[in-house]
Amino acid sequence: MVRFVAIVFLLPFVTTAVHTQTTVPDEEAFFNAVRENMARANREQHRYAYRERRTEVHTNPFGRLGTGDIVLYEVTPGPGPSIAYRKLLEKNGKPVPGTRAEKQERRIRQGPSSVDDTVATLKFGADRREMFEGRNAIVVRFEPRPDAKPQTREGKLAKSFSGLIWIDEAAKEVMRVEAIAVEDMSYGLGFVARLKKGSIVTLTRERIDQHIWLPTSIKFKATGRALLVRSLNIDFAVDWFDYRRTGDSE
């Protein structure tokens, strides 16, 4: 599911590519501010400790076959942006005592920028202005370009999705992303799993403190076939909460 999380995080970075159909005061400045806020959140997120509740994805030697246990982790920052420590606290609501924090290191990307590749893969348009959770929002629509030839993993995944982005007009922050698969997606050339068109990814972001907005949940729902014959149902969710700032701003 990391791939799906990655692409949903990437989508809001490209709001400067929008050709608007609804009126936004000082349009260029507005979308530049949204992009800057997202970039700053990406830089600063490693300064926060938090708790993470997620649905585990069952695996076997042939691939991912469905969702199951609910686990709760404590995540704390490491000495640099690419390192974090994750400690299991609960499984299916029951405490798991005596576990040690495991070091996790984020892989540093080499080669083409996945953000640039995603920009080239999708097209965007401001769709409307509406109230969203009591706040004025600009709704941006995105869809894959039919002639796109993505090079990165994120770009290739983006080509399978269309959807909407809700942007808080006053704060200039992305509040929600809804992405729907417009085509079937296969893994392992279709022998491991094939997820059906209509799979849904949703992401929410909220103001965490006076400094920053960060993601608070992501959900992925899909059906399909695994190993050609077995029914596949995925209802994957991650919630991030209890954010605590542990370092100073740059």
Protein backbone atom coordinates (compact mmCIF):
# COMPACT_ATOMS: atom_id res chain seq x y z
CA MET A 1 0.00 0.00 0.00
CA VAL A 2 3.00 2.32 0.25
CA ARG A 3 2.74 3.04 -3.47
CA PHE A 4 -0.83 4.24 -3.11
CA VAL A 5 0.11 6.44 -0.14
CA ALA A 6 2.98 7.93 -2.14
CA ILE A 7 0.90 8.98 -5.11
CA VAL A 8 -1.81 10.58 -3.03
CA PHE A 9 0.84 12.65 -1.24
CA LEU A 10 2.30 13.71 -4.58
CA LEU A 11 -0.92 14.92 -6.17
CA PRO A 12 -1.32 18.16 -4.20
CA PHE A 13 2.20 19.32 -5.11
CA VAL A 14 1.19 20.01 -8.68
CA THR A 15 -1.61 22.50 -8.15
CA THR A 16 0.32 25.12 -10.11
CA ALA A 17 -0.52 23.11 -13.23
CA VAL A 18 -4.21 24.05 -12.87
CA HIS A 19 -6.08 25.87 -15.62
CA THR A 20 -8.98 27.29 -13.64
CA GLN A 21 -12.64 27.28 -14.59
CA THR A 22 -13.72 29.03 -11.35
CA THR A 23 -12.60 32.45 -10.16
CA VAL A 24 -9.74 32.53 -7.64
CA PRO A 25 -8.46 35.93 -6.46
CA ASP A 26 -4.84 36.33 -7.58
CA GLU A 27 -4.87 32.81 -8.99
CA GLU A 28 -1.15 32.40 -9.56
CA ALA A 29 -0.27 33.53 -6.05
CA PHE A 30 -2.94 31.24 -4.57
CA PHE A 31 -1.69 28.06 -6.20
CA ASN A 32 1.94 28.97 -5.58
CA ALA A 33 1.10 29.31 -1.87
CA VAL A 34 -0.60 25.88 -1.86
CA ARG A 35 2.46 24.34 -3.42
CA GLU A 36 4.79 26.05 -0.94
CA ASN A 37 2.68 24.86 2.01
CA MET A 38 2.77 21.27 0.77
CA ALA A 39 6.52 21.43 0.17
CA ARG A 40 7.09 22.85 3.66
CA ALA A 41 4.94 20.10 5.23
CA ASN A 42 6.98 17.51 3.35
CA ARG A 43 10.21 19.00 4.69
CA GLU A 44 8.98 19.39 8.25
CA GLN A 45 7.02 16.18 8.79
CA HIS A 46 10.08 14.28 10.01
CA ARG A 47 10.22 16.63 13.02
CA TYR A 48 7.03 15.11 14.46
CA ALA A 49 6.44 12.00 16.52
CA TYR A 50 2.96 10.46 16.19
CA ARG A 51 0.84 7.37 16.56
CA GLU A 52 -0.20 5.32 13.56
CA ARG A 53 -3.14 2.92 13.45
CA ARG A 54 -3.23 0.78 10.32
CA THR A 55 -4.88 -2.22 8.75
CA GLU A 56 -2.27 -4.85 7.95
CA VAL A 57 -2.14 -6.44 4.52
CA HIS A 58 -1.87 -10.23 4.67
CA THR A 59 0.99 -11.59 2.60
CA ASN A 60 2.29 -14.93 1.43
CA PRO A 61 5.11 -15.93 -0.95
CA PHE A 62 2.84 -15.20 -3.93
CA GLY A 63 1.92 -11.63 -2.98
CA ARG A 64 -0.61 -9.49 -1.15
CA LEU A 65 -3.95 -11.20 -0.71
CA GLY A 66 -6.14 -9.03 1.54
CA THR A 67 -6.50 -7.04 4.72
CA GLY A 68 -6.79 -8.20 8.29
CA ASP A 69 -5.30 -7.19 11.66
CA ILE A 70 -5.45 -3.65 13.07
CA VAL A 71 -2.15 -2.54 14.61
CA LEU A 72 -1.08 0.57 16.51
CA TYR A 73 2.46 1.95 16.34
CA GLU A 74 4.38 4.72 18.05
CA VAL A 75 6.58 6.46 15.46
CA THR A 76 9.44 8.75 16.50
CA PRO A 77 11.90 10.69 14.34
CA GLY A 78 15.45 9.50 13.79
CA PRO A 79 18.60 11.62 13.42
CA GLY A 80 17.74 12.64 9.84
CA PRO A 81 14.72 13.05 7.52
CA SER A 82 15.14 9.55 6.06
CA ILE A 83 15.13 7.68 9.39
CA ALA A 84 12.29 6.90 11.84
CA TYR A 85 11.71 4.39 14.63
CA ARG A 86 8.48 2.38 14.83
CA LYS A 87 7.30 0.51 17.93
CA LEU A 88 4.30 -1.83 18.00
CA LEU A 89 1.94 -0.92 20.85
CA GLU A 90 -1.29 -2.84 20.12
CA LYS A 91 -2.70 -5.53 17.87
CA ASN A 92 -6.46 -5.76 17.39
CA GLY A 93 -6.98 -3.51 20.40
CA LYS A 94 -4.80 -5.56 22.78
CA PRO A 95 -1.50 -4.25 24.18
CA VAL A 96 1.69 -5.89 22.91
CA PRO A 97 4.22 -5.47 25.74
CA GLY A 98 7.97 -5.79 25.43
CA THR A 99 8.36 -4.81 21.78
CA ARG A 100 11.37 -2.83 20.64
CA ALA A 101 11.38 0.11 18.29
CA GLU A 102 12.51 -0.87 14.80
CA LYS A 103 14.57 1.44 12.65
CA GLN A 104 13.08 2.29 9.27
CA GLU A 105 15.00 4.11 6.58
CA ARG A 106 13.31 5.85 3.70
CA ARG A 107 14.95 5.16 0.37
CA ILE A 108 16.41 8.25 -1.29
CA ARG A 109 15.19 8.46 -4.86
CA GLN A 110 17.66 8.46 -7.71
CA GLY A 111 16.84 9.49 -11.26
CA PRO A 112 13.81 11.44 -12.55
CA SER A 113 11.65 13.34 -10.06
CA SER A 114 8.44 11.49 -9.28
CA VAL A 115 6.71 14.87 -8.79
CA ASP A 116 7.69 16.06 -12.27
CA ASP A 117 6.65 12.72 -13.71
CA THR A 118 3.26 12.97 -12.01
CA VAL A 119 2.78 16.51 -13.32
CA ALA A 120 3.42 15.25 -16.86
CA THR A 121 1.05 12.30 -16.36
CA LEU A 122 -2.01 14.17 -15.04
CA LYS A 123 -3.99 17.22 -16.09
CA PHE A 124 -5.76 19.50 -13.61
CA GLY A 125 -8.62 21.99 -13.59
CA ALA A 126 -10.26 24.07 -10.85
CA ASP A 127 -13.80 22.72 -10.82
CA ARG A 128 -15.79 24.79 -8.32
CA ARG A 129 -15.88 26.64 -5.02
CA GLU A 130 -17.85 25.07 -2.15
CA MET A 131 -18.13 24.78 1.64
CA PHE A 132 -16.19 21.78 2.97
CA GLU A 133 -16.36 20.95 6.67
CA GLY A 134 -17.39 24.52 7.41
CA ARG A 135 -14.60 26.13 5.39
CA ASN A 136 -14.50 27.78 1.97
CA ALA A 137 -12.76 25.40 -0.43
CA ILE A 138 -11.55 25.39 -4.02
CA VAL A 139 -12.18 21.97 -5.61
CA VAL A 140 -9.59 20.87 -8.18
CA ARG A 141 -10.26 18.01 -10.59
CA PHE A 142 -7.49 15.77 -11.99
CA GLU A 143 -7.36 13.00 -14.58
CA PRO A 144 -4.69 11.12 -16.56
CA ARG A 145 -3.43 12.52 -19.83
CA PRO A 146 -4.19 9.98 -22.58
CA ASP A 147 -0.79 10.51 -24.22
CA ALA A 148 1.23 10.39 -20.98
CA LYS A 149 4.28 8.11 -20.84
CA PRO A 150 5.27 8.04 -17.15
CA GLN A 151 8.75 6.86 -16.20
CA THR A 152 8.55 6.52 -12.42
CA ARG A 153 6.53 4.09 -10.30
CA GLU A 154 4.43 6.96 -8.93
CA GLY A 155 3.80 8.37 -12.38
CA LYS A 156 2.71 5.00 -13.72
CA LEU A 157 0.33 4.58 -10.79
CA ALA A 158 -1.04 8.11 -11.25
CA LYS A 159 -2.03 7.23 -14.81
CA SER A 160 -4.65 4.86 -13.38
CA PHE A 161 -6.46 7.50 -11.28
CA SER A 162 -8.72 10.51 -11.57
CA GLY A 163 -10.34 12.47 -8.77
CA LEU A 164 -10.75 15.66 -6.76
CA ILE A 165 -8.65 17.79 -4.38
CA TRP A 166 -10.26 20.11 -1.81
CA ILE A 167 -8.12 23.14 -0.91
CA ASP A 168 -8.84 25.40 2.06
CA GLU A 169 -9.10 28.79 0.36
CA ALA A 170 -8.03 30.87 3.38
CA ALA A 171 -5.23 28.62 4.67
CA LYS A 172 -4.18 27.55 1.14
CA GLU A 173 -3.83 23.98 2.38
CA VAL A 174 -5.00 20.69 0.86
CA MET A 175 -7.74 19.23 3.08
CA ARG A 176 -8.83 16.15 1.16
CA VAL A 177 -7.96 14.09 -1.90
CA GLU A 178 -10.31 11.54 -3.48
CA ALA A 179 -8.85 9.34 -6.24
CA ILE A 180 -10.70 6.66 -8.21
CA ALA A 181 -9.04 4.07 -10.45
CA VAL A 182 -10.18 4.53 -14.05
CA GLU A 183 -8.76 1.19 -15.16
CA ASP A 184 -7.85 -2.22 -13.75
CA MET A 185 -4.44 -2.47 -12.08
CA SER A 186 -2.33 -5.62 -12.09
CA TYR A 187 0.63 -6.85 -10.05
CA GLY A 188 3.05 -9.53 -11.10
CA LEU A 189 1.77 -9.32 -14.70
CA GLY A 190 -1.67 -10.17 -13.37
CA PHE A 191 -0.62 -13.52 -11.93
CA VAL A 192 -0.31 -12.18 -8.36
CA ALA A 193 -3.29 -9.83 -8.27
CA ARG A 194 -5.57 -7.72 -10.43
CA LEU A 195 -7.50 -4.88 -8.82
CA LYS A 196 -10.68 -3.76 -10.53
CA LYS A 197 -11.49 -0.37 -11.97
CA GLY A 198 -13.25 1.76 -9.35
CA SER A 199 -10.74 1.22 -6.54
CA ILE A 200 -10.86 4.27 -4.25
CA VAL A 201 -8.14 6.14 -2.36
CA THR A 202 -9.00 8.99 0.02
CA LEU A 203 -6.59 11.18 1.98
CA THR A 204 -7.37 13.79 4.65
CA ARG A 205 -5.10 16.51 6.05
CA GLU A 206 -5.66 18.76 9.07
CA ARG A 207 -3.97 21.58 10.92
CA ILE A 208 -1.75 19.87 13.51
CA ASP A 209 -0.48 22.96 15.33
CA GLN A 210 0.32 26.59 14.61
CA HIS A 211 3.16 25.50 12.32
CA ILE A 212 1.76 22.98 9.89
CA TRP A 213 -0.96 20.82 8.31
CA LEU A 214 -0.22 17.08 8.05
CA PRO A 215 -2.06 13.94 6.86
CA THR A 216 -4.45 12.39 9.38
CA SER A 217 -5.88 9.45 7.41
CA ILE A 218 -5.71 7.50 4.19
CA LYS A 219 -8.07 4.78 3.01
CA PHE A 220 -7.87 2.37 0.08
CA LYS A 221 -10.76 0.13 -0.97
CA ALA A 222 -10.52 -2.36 -3.82
CA THR A 223 -11.78 -5.69 -5.08
CA GLY A 224 -10.23 -8.05 -7.60
CA ARG A 225 -8.68 -11.46 -8.11
CA ALA A 226 -5.54 -12.95 -6.61
CA LEU A 227 -3.55 -15.79 -8.20
CA LEU A 228 -6.10 -15.68 -11.06
CA VAL A 229 -8.81 -17.50 -9.12
CA ARG A 230 -9.06 -16.25 -5.54
CA SER A 231 -11.33 -13.30 -4.70
CA LEU A 232 -9.43 -10.30 -3.37
CA ASN A 233 -10.88 -7.71 -1.00
CA ILE A 234 -8.77 -4.87 0.35
CA ASP A 235 -10.05 -2.34 2.87
CA PHE A 236 -6.81 -0.70 3.95
CA ALA A 237 -6.74 2.29 6.30
CA VAL A 238 -4.13 4.31 8.15
CA ASP A 239 -4.85 6.98 10.77
CA TRP A 240 -2.14 9.32 12.05
CA PHE A 241 -2.80 11.14 15.31
CA ASP A 242 -1.28 12.50 18.52
CA TYR A 243 1.36 14.46 16.59
CA ARG A 244 4.09 15.96 18.80
CA ARG A 245 6.75 18.29 17.50
CA THR A 246 10.24 17.13 18.47
CA GLY A 247 12.54 19.59 16.65
CA ASP A 248 12.84 23.25 15.73
CA SER A 249 11.92 24.64 12.34
CA GLU A 250 14.62 25.22 9.82
